[in-house]
Amino acid sequence: MPHARASRLSGLSRRSLLAVGGAVGIGAALTACGETSAKSDEKAAGKSGPWSFKDDRGKTAKQPATPKNIVAFTGVAAALHDFGIEVKGVFGPTTTPEGKADVQAGDLDVNKVKILGNAYDKFNVEEYAALNPDLLVTAMWEKDKLWYVPELSTAKILKVGAPSVALWAAETTVPKAIQRHADLAESLGADVRAKKVTDAKARFEKAAERLRQAAKANPKVKVMIGSASPELFYVSLAKMSADTLYFQELGVKFVEPKVDAAGFFESLSWENVDKYPADIIMMDNRTAVLQPSALKDKPTWTRLPAVKAGQVIPRTTEPIYSYDKCAPILEDLAEAIEKAKKVA
């Protein structure tokens, strides 16, 4: 996970690297996270009475009543929105420099939420406390680590008093991750059987089958997972991320790089970007990394068979775990594989 997590990443020592670009699958030894069946105490005590939810750390968050002043990592907030739960504050990539919604914000109205921090290691503790939060929710890429909650400020943030919930975003699979977000939303009062949700789920399931059939019909098409920085190109290992692991389970064939000691991705110099033959390249779509349009001045990139064939597609490296947002991801990859020419 290279350069992706933050625009100023430089080296592999920072925790933020773990989810960057390629590997994005942090969290090494992932245990049986993302249980698909919600515990009875997660089903919410309704709109009144005690509330509790057991998260993917195995910790149970509790409140005397269902939380209303919710603060969440942007991507998690976007997923909760799709299930019918709104948050008061967010942290993480929310707006672009132009003031538009970041790709990780989904359908959130970024003008109606308090943005406590718009980048890695940015979290305004004072503004957080002023929201009188009764729940803090984020993703978990690494066991017991609260994603985008600055480590140096974690104790101070938790001291505000709101219980925290962490949901796995690594080494689980897309359906399991969506289910866990649905479990949380339901505990908070969402109707996860509303037509909007069930229609989106039906579309998701149809898209998954389409991708399965596309992969089956085109078994020789190989996909490379890439992420770019000015100095390096990162090739990720599919099994380390919830999205690409799921695609792999559906039959998609991926390039398997010789990953570094952490096991997530391989860093290549731009001179060696052609090390692995690929028919389709999925490129990290996050705003913190270079997009294909910015790589036109790199000759080794423009000479890649997949690039010359126009077979480069965006990769939603940090999916918003709702049926509504994940269905198009499956559809787009299915279409790319259906149309792909064998070029490598």
Protein backbone atom coordinates (compact mmCIF):
# COMPACT_ATOMS: atom_id res chain seq x y z
CA MET A 1 0.00 0.00 0.00
CA PRO A 2 2.12 2.58 -1.16
CA HIS A 3 1.66 6.12 -1.78
CA ALA A 4 -2.09 6.03 -1.64
CA ARG A 5 -3.16 6.55 1.92
CA ALA A 6 -1.84 10.03 2.17
CA SER A 7 -0.35 12.40 -0.29
CA ARG A 8 2.74 12.75 1.81
CA LEU A 9 3.54 9.07 2.25
CA SER A 10 7.23 8.35 1.97
CA GLY A 11 8.37 4.91 2.97
CA LEU A 12 6.71 1.89 4.45
CA SER A 13 6.97 2.70 8.13
CA ARG A 14 3.73 4.59 8.49
CA ARG A 15 0.59 2.75 9.38
CA SER A 16 -1.16 4.65 6.61
CA LEU A 17 0.90 2.79 4.02
CA LEU A 18 -0.82 -0.41 4.95
CA ALA A 19 -3.94 0.44 3.05
CA VAL A 20 -2.38 2.35 0.26
CA GLY A 21 -2.87 1.74 -3.35
CA GLY A 22 -2.30 -1.86 -3.81
CA ALA A 23 -2.48 -3.93 -0.81
CA VAL A 24 -4.97 -1.87 0.99
CA GLY A 25 -5.53 -5.00 2.87
CA ILE A 26 -3.74 -4.22 6.05
CA GLY A 27 -4.54 -6.03 9.15
CA ALA A 28 -2.32 -9.03 8.89
CA ALA A 29 -3.77 -11.79 10.98
CA LEU A 30 -7.41 -11.18 10.48
CA THR A 31 -9.52 -13.39 12.63
CA ALA A 32 -13.06 -14.42 11.98
CA CYS A 33 -14.23 -10.92 11.43
CA GLY A 34 -17.33 -9.73 9.73
CA GLU A 35 -19.76 -12.29 11.00
CA THR A 36 -22.76 -12.16 8.73
CA SER A 37 -25.35 -12.80 11.37
CA ALA A 38 -26.01 -9.99 13.80
CA LYS A 39 -26.07 -10.83 17.47
CA SER A 40 -29.28 -10.25 19.30
CA ASP A 41 -27.76 -7.33 21.17
CA GLU A 42 -26.82 -5.78 17.83
CA LYS A 43 -30.37 -5.72 16.60
CA ALA A 44 -30.86 -2.56 18.56
CA ALA A 45 -33.10 -2.03 21.47
CA GLY A 46 -35.31 0.07 19.26
CA LYS A 47 -35.60 3.82 19.39
CA SER A 48 -35.50 3.86 23.16
CA GLY A 49 -33.88 1.83 25.85
CA PRO A 50 -30.33 0.46 26.07
CA TRP A 51 -28.26 0.13 22.90
CA SER A 52 -25.27 -2.10 22.29
CA PHE A 53 -23.23 -3.36 19.36
CA LYS A 54 -20.36 -5.84 19.24
CA ASP A 55 -17.80 -4.67 16.72
CA ASP A 56 -15.10 -6.52 14.78
CA ARG A 57 -12.56 -6.10 17.56
CA GLY A 58 -14.88 -8.13 19.73
CA LYS A 59 -15.63 -5.06 21.83
CA THR A 60 -19.19 -4.10 22.73
CA ALA A 61 -20.14 -0.45 22.54
CA LYS A 62 -23.00 0.53 24.85
CA GLN A 63 -25.22 3.54 25.40
CA PRO A 64 -28.37 4.10 27.51
CA ALA A 65 -30.22 4.92 24.27
CA THR A 66 -29.64 4.54 20.55
CA PRO A 67 -26.86 6.96 19.49
CA LYS A 68 -27.92 10.00 17.51
CA ASN A 69 -24.80 12.18 17.51
CA ILE A 70 -22.66 9.89 15.40
CA VAL A 71 -19.19 10.72 14.12
CA ALA A 72 -17.68 8.39 11.54
CA PHE A 73 -14.87 7.89 9.07
CA THR A 74 -16.10 9.29 5.76
CA GLY A 75 -16.45 5.97 3.92
CA VAL A 76 -18.31 4.37 6.82
CA ALA A 77 -20.56 7.43 7.10
CA ALA A 78 -21.35 7.08 3.39
CA ALA A 79 -22.32 3.44 3.87
CA LEU A 80 -24.53 4.24 6.85
CA HIS A 81 -26.19 6.97 4.77
CA ASP A 82 -27.08 4.41 2.11
CA PHE A 83 -28.76 2.30 4.79
CA GLY A 84 -30.66 5.30 6.15
CA ILE A 85 -28.49 6.53 9.03
CA GLU A 86 -27.08 10.06 9.04
CA VAL A 87 -24.04 11.20 10.98
CA LYS A 88 -23.20 14.57 12.51
CA GLY A 89 -19.47 14.61 11.84
CA VAL A 90 -16.90 12.90 9.63
CA PHE A 91 -13.15 12.51 9.40
CA GLY A 92 -11.10 11.30 6.46
CA PRO A 93 -11.12 12.29 2.76
CA THR A 94 -14.42 14.15 2.41
CA THR A 95 -13.89 17.08 0.03
CA THR A 96 -11.48 17.80 -2.80
CA PRO A 97 -9.40 21.00 -2.97
CA GLU A 98 -12.19 22.37 -5.18
CA GLY A 99 -14.72 21.77 -2.42
CA LYS A 100 -16.47 18.91 -4.18
CA ALA A 101 -17.30 15.59 -2.55
CA ASP A 102 -14.37 13.17 -2.48
CA VAL A 103 -14.91 9.75 -4.05
CA GLN A 104 -14.98 8.28 -0.56
CA ALA A 105 -17.90 10.49 0.47
CA GLY A 106 -20.41 8.71 -1.75
CA ASP A 107 -23.82 10.38 -1.54
CA LEU A 108 -23.11 12.25 1.68
CA ASP A 109 -24.09 15.89 1.60
CA VAL A 110 -20.65 17.18 2.52
CA ASN A 111 -22.13 20.59 3.31
CA LYS A 112 -24.31 19.17 6.07
CA VAL A 113 -21.72 17.28 8.08
CA LYS A 114 -19.00 18.69 10.29
CA ILE A 115 -15.64 17.78 8.76
CA LEU A 116 -13.23 17.18 11.62
CA GLY A 117 -10.29 16.35 9.38
CA ASN A 118 -9.95 15.92 5.63
CA ALA A 119 -6.64 14.04 5.51
CA TYR A 120 -4.63 11.38 7.27
CA ASP A 121 -3.55 12.37 10.79
CA LYS A 122 -5.99 15.29 10.83
CA PHE A 123 -8.70 15.18 13.50
CA ASN A 124 -9.91 18.26 15.38
CA VAL A 125 -10.51 16.95 18.89
CA GLU A 126 -12.07 20.18 20.15
CA GLU A 127 -14.63 20.27 17.35
CA TYR A 128 -15.31 16.59 17.93
CA ALA A 129 -16.07 17.20 21.61
CA ALA A 130 -18.31 20.14 20.69
CA LEU A 131 -20.56 17.78 18.73
CA ASN A 132 -21.36 15.92 21.99
CA PRO A 133 -20.81 12.60 20.20
CA ASP A 134 -22.40 9.45 21.54
CA LEU A 135 -20.73 7.11 19.01
CA LEU A 136 -17.47 7.05 17.04
CA VAL A 137 -17.34 4.67 14.07
CA THR A 138 -14.50 3.84 11.72
CA ALA A 139 -12.98 1.14 9.57
CA MET A 140 -10.28 -1.28 10.71
CA TRP A 141 -7.48 -2.17 8.31
CA GLU A 142 -5.16 -3.41 11.02
CA LYS A 143 -6.22 -5.40 14.05
CA ASP A 144 -7.49 -3.11 16.81
CA LYS A 145 -6.44 0.07 14.95
CA LEU A 146 -9.02 2.81 14.45
CA TRP A 147 -8.65 3.95 10.86
CA TYR A 148 -7.84 7.65 10.41
CA VAL A 149 -7.98 8.26 14.15
CA PRO A 150 -4.50 9.71 14.80
CA GLU A 151 -2.56 7.44 17.12
CA LEU A 152 -1.10 10.35 19.07
CA SER A 153 -4.60 11.69 19.74
CA THR A 154 -6.50 8.42 20.19
CA ALA A 155 -6.49 8.49 24.00
CA LYS A 156 -7.68 12.10 24.03
CA ILE A 157 -10.41 11.38 21.47
CA LEU A 158 -11.69 8.34 23.35
CA LYS A 159 -11.60 10.29 26.59
CA VAL A 160 -14.39 12.49 25.22
CA GLY A 161 -16.62 9.62 26.24
CA ALA A 162 -18.26 8.26 23.11
CA PRO A 163 -17.85 4.51 22.65
CA SER A 164 -16.07 3.43 19.48
CA VAL A 165 -17.01 0.84 16.85
CA ALA A 166 -14.54 -0.56 14.32
CA LEU A 167 -15.56 -2.62 11.30
CA TRP A 168 -13.11 -4.68 9.27
CA ALA A 169 -12.20 -3.35 5.85
CA ALA A 170 -9.39 -5.82 5.13
CA GLU A 171 -9.16 -9.52 4.44
CA THR A 172 -12.87 -9.89 4.79
CA THR A 173 -14.98 -9.99 1.64
CA VAL A 174 -17.35 -7.45 0.17
CA PRO A 175 -20.59 -9.28 1.11
CA LYS A 176 -19.43 -9.78 4.69
CA ALA A 177 -18.30 -6.17 5.02
CA ILE A 178 -21.62 -4.90 3.66
CA GLN A 179 -23.50 -7.13 6.08
CA ARG A 180 -21.58 -5.78 9.05
CA HIS A 181 -22.34 -2.19 8.01
CA ALA A 182 -25.98 -3.20 7.62
CA ASP A 183 -25.91 -4.78 11.09
CA LEU A 184 -24.63 -1.54 12.58
CA ALA A 185 -27.14 0.57 10.66
CA GLU A 186 -29.99 -1.66 11.80
CA SER A 187 -28.85 -1.40 15.40
CA LEU A 188 -29.01 2.38 15.00
CA GLY A 189 -32.59 2.25 13.79
CA ALA A 190 -32.32 1.78 10.02
CA ASP A 191 -34.84 -0.29 8.12
CA VAL A 192 -32.48 -2.57 6.21
CA ARG A 193 -35.47 -4.23 4.54
CA ALA A 194 -36.65 -0.99 2.95
CA LYS A 195 -37.25 -1.24 -0.80
CA LYS A 196 -34.28 0.98 -1.57
CA VAL A 197 -31.98 -1.41 0.25
CA THR A 198 -33.50 -4.64 -1.06
CA ASP A 199 -33.46 -3.32 -4.62
CA ALA A 200 -29.79 -2.42 -4.25
CA LYS A 201 -29.07 -5.87 -2.80
CA ALA A 202 -30.80 -7.54 -5.75
CA ARG A 203 -28.70 -5.45 -8.15
CA PHE A 204 -25.55 -6.37 -6.21
CA GLU A 205 -26.32 -10.10 -6.39
CA LYS A 206 -27.07 -9.85 -10.11
CA ALA A 207 -23.81 -7.98 -10.65
CA ALA A 208 -21.85 -10.60 -8.72
CA GLU A 209 -23.25 -13.35 -10.93
CA ARG A 210 -22.44 -11.32 -14.03
CA LEU A 211 -18.83 -10.95 -12.90
CA ARG A 212 -18.65 -14.67 -12.15
CA GLN A 213 -19.87 -15.48 -15.66
CA ALA A 214 -17.56 -12.92 -17.27
CA ALA A 215 -14.55 -14.41 -15.50
CA LYS A 216 -15.63 -17.93 -16.48
CA ALA A 217 -16.05 -16.95 -20.12
CA ASN A 218 -12.67 -15.16 -20.25
CA PRO A 219 -10.35 -17.28 -18.09
CA LYS A 220 -7.18 -16.06 -19.80
CA VAL A 221 -7.78 -12.38 -19.06
CA LYS A 222 -5.40 -11.28 -16.32
CA VAL A 223 -5.93 -8.21 -14.17
CA MET A 224 -3.26 -6.14 -12.41
CA ILE A 225 -4.04 -4.02 -9.35
CA GLY A 226 -2.02 -0.83 -9.50
CA SER A 227 -1.41 2.41 -7.67
CA ALA A 228 0.92 5.20 -8.75
CA SER A 229 3.18 7.75 -7.11
CA PRO A 230 5.70 10.01 -8.84
CA GLU A 231 8.55 7.66 -7.98
CA LEU A 232 7.00 4.20 -7.85
CA PHE A 233 4.29 1.94 -9.20
CA TYR A 234 2.71 -0.48 -6.75
CA VAL A 235 1.28 -3.86 -7.70
CA SER A 236 -0.98 -5.33 -5.05
CA LEU A 237 -1.80 -8.86 -4.03
CA ALA A 238 -5.49 -9.53 -4.57
CA LYS A 239 -6.11 -11.66 -1.51
CA MET A 240 -5.13 -8.88 0.87
CA SER A 241 -8.13 -6.62 0.17
CA ALA A 242 -11.84 -7.22 0.66
CA ASP A 243 -12.77 -6.13 -2.86
CA THR A 244 -10.16 -7.97 -4.89
CA LEU A 245 -10.33 -11.06 -2.68
CA TYR A 246 -14.03 -11.23 -3.48
CA PHE A 247 -13.39 -10.73 -7.20
CA GLN A 248 -10.87 -13.55 -6.98
CA GLU A 249 -13.46 -15.78 -5.33
CA LEU A 250 -15.77 -15.00 -8.25
CA GLY A 251 -13.11 -16.27 -10.64
CA VAL A 252 -11.17 -13.18 -11.73
CA LYS A 253 -7.50 -13.92 -12.48
CA PHE A 254 -5.00 -11.46 -10.99
CA VAL A 255 -1.30 -10.78 -11.38
CA GLU A 256 0.50 -12.11 -8.30
CA PRO A 257 3.42 -9.83 -7.46
CA LYS A 258 6.43 -10.73 -5.36
CA VAL A 259 5.30 -8.75 -2.36
CA ASP A 260 7.48 -7.13 0.28
CA ALA A 261 7.93 -8.47 3.78
CA ALA A 262 4.59 -7.05 4.86
CA GLY A 263 2.90 -9.17 2.21
CA PHE A 264 0.70 -6.57 0.59
CA PHE A 265 2.31 -5.20 -2.57
CA GLU A 266 5.43 -4.95 -4.66
CA SER A 267 7.04 -1.59 -5.37
CA LEU A 268 8.36 -1.14 -8.90
CA SER A 269 10.42 1.65 -10.36
CA TRP A 270 8.84 3.18 -13.43
CA GLU A 271 11.60 1.58 -15.51
CA ASN A 272 10.31 -1.83 -14.42
CA VAL A 273 6.59 -1.15 -14.61
CA ASP A 274 6.31 -3.75 -17.39
CA LYS A 275 7.48 -6.58 -15.12
CA TYR A 276 4.07 -8.27 -15.10
CA PRO A 277 1.98 -8.87 -18.22
CA ALA A 278 -1.63 -7.79 -17.74
CA ASP A 279 -4.66 -7.42 -19.97
CA ILE A 280 -6.53 -5.06 -17.64
CA ILE A 281 -5.09 -2.64 -15.11
CA MET A 282 -7.23 -1.51 -12.19
CA MET A 283 -5.88 1.81 -10.93
CA ASP A 284 -6.43 3.19 -7.42
CA ASN A 285 -9.04 5.94 -7.77
CA ARG A 286 -8.35 7.82 -4.54
CA THR A 287 -7.52 11.50 -4.71
CA ALA A 288 -4.24 11.06 -2.84
CA VAL A 289 -2.63 9.06 -5.66
CA LEU A 290 -1.76 9.77 -9.28
CA GLN A 291 -4.48 8.97 -11.77
CA PRO A 292 -3.85 7.55 -15.28
CA SER A 293 -4.32 10.98 -16.84
CA ALA A 294 -1.25 12.15 -14.92
CA LEU A 295 0.95 9.33 -16.23
CA LYS A 296 1.03 10.30 -19.89
CA ASP A 297 4.57 11.61 -19.59
CA LYS A 298 5.89 8.25 -18.41
CA PRO A 299 6.91 6.30 -21.56
CA THR A 300 7.04 2.95 -19.79
CA TRP A 301 3.42 3.42 -18.74
CA THR A 302 2.15 4.43 -22.15
CA ARG A 303 3.84 1.40 -23.73
CA LEU A 304 2.05 -1.11 -21.52
CA PRO A 305 -0.24 -3.35 -23.64
CA ALA A 306 -3.27 -2.71 -21.42
CA VAL A 307 -2.72 1.05 -21.62
CA LYS A 308 -2.30 0.99 -25.40
CA ALA A 309 -5.48 -1.10 -25.69
CA GLY A 310 -7.46 1.31 -23.51
CA GLN A 311 -8.01 -1.39 -20.91
CA VAL A 312 -7.30 0.65 -17.79
CA ILE A 313 -10.18 1.03 -15.35
CA PRO A 314 -10.57 2.72 -11.96
CA ARG A 315 -10.35 0.67 -8.82
CA THR A 316 -12.44 1.77 -5.85
CA THR A 317 -9.67 0.94 -3.41
CA GLU A 318 -11.72 1.81 -0.33
CA PRO A 319 -15.25 0.71 -1.19
CA ILE A 320 -18.26 2.21 0.50
CA TYR A 321 -19.75 -0.93 1.98
CA SER A 322 -23.37 -0.68 0.92
CA TYR A 323 -25.12 -2.68 -1.79
CA ASP A 324 -25.83 0.55 -3.64
CA LYS A 325 -22.16 1.49 -3.97
CA CYS A 326 -20.66 -1.96 -4.46
CA ALA A 327 -23.01 -3.13 -7.23
CA PRO A 328 -21.56 -0.69 -9.81
CA ILE A 329 -18.03 -1.79 -8.93
CA LEU A 330 -18.92 -5.38 -9.84
CA GLU A 331 -20.73 -4.28 -12.99
CA ASP A 332 -17.83 -2.17 -14.21
CA LEU A 333 -15.29 -4.95 -13.72
CA ALA A 334 -17.60 -7.48 -15.38
CA GLU A 335 -17.99 -5.19 -18.38
CA ALA A 336 -14.24 -4.64 -18.61
CA ILE A 337 -13.57 -8.39 -18.61
CA GLU A 338 -16.37 -9.05 -21.10
CA LYS A 339 -14.89 -6.52 -23.54
CA ALA A 340 -11.21 -7.13 -22.87
CA LYS A 341 -8.85 -8.24 -25.60
CA LYS A 342 -6.02 -10.58 -24.71
CA VAL A 343 -3.07 -8.24 -25.10
CA ALA A 344 -0.40 -9.58 -22.75
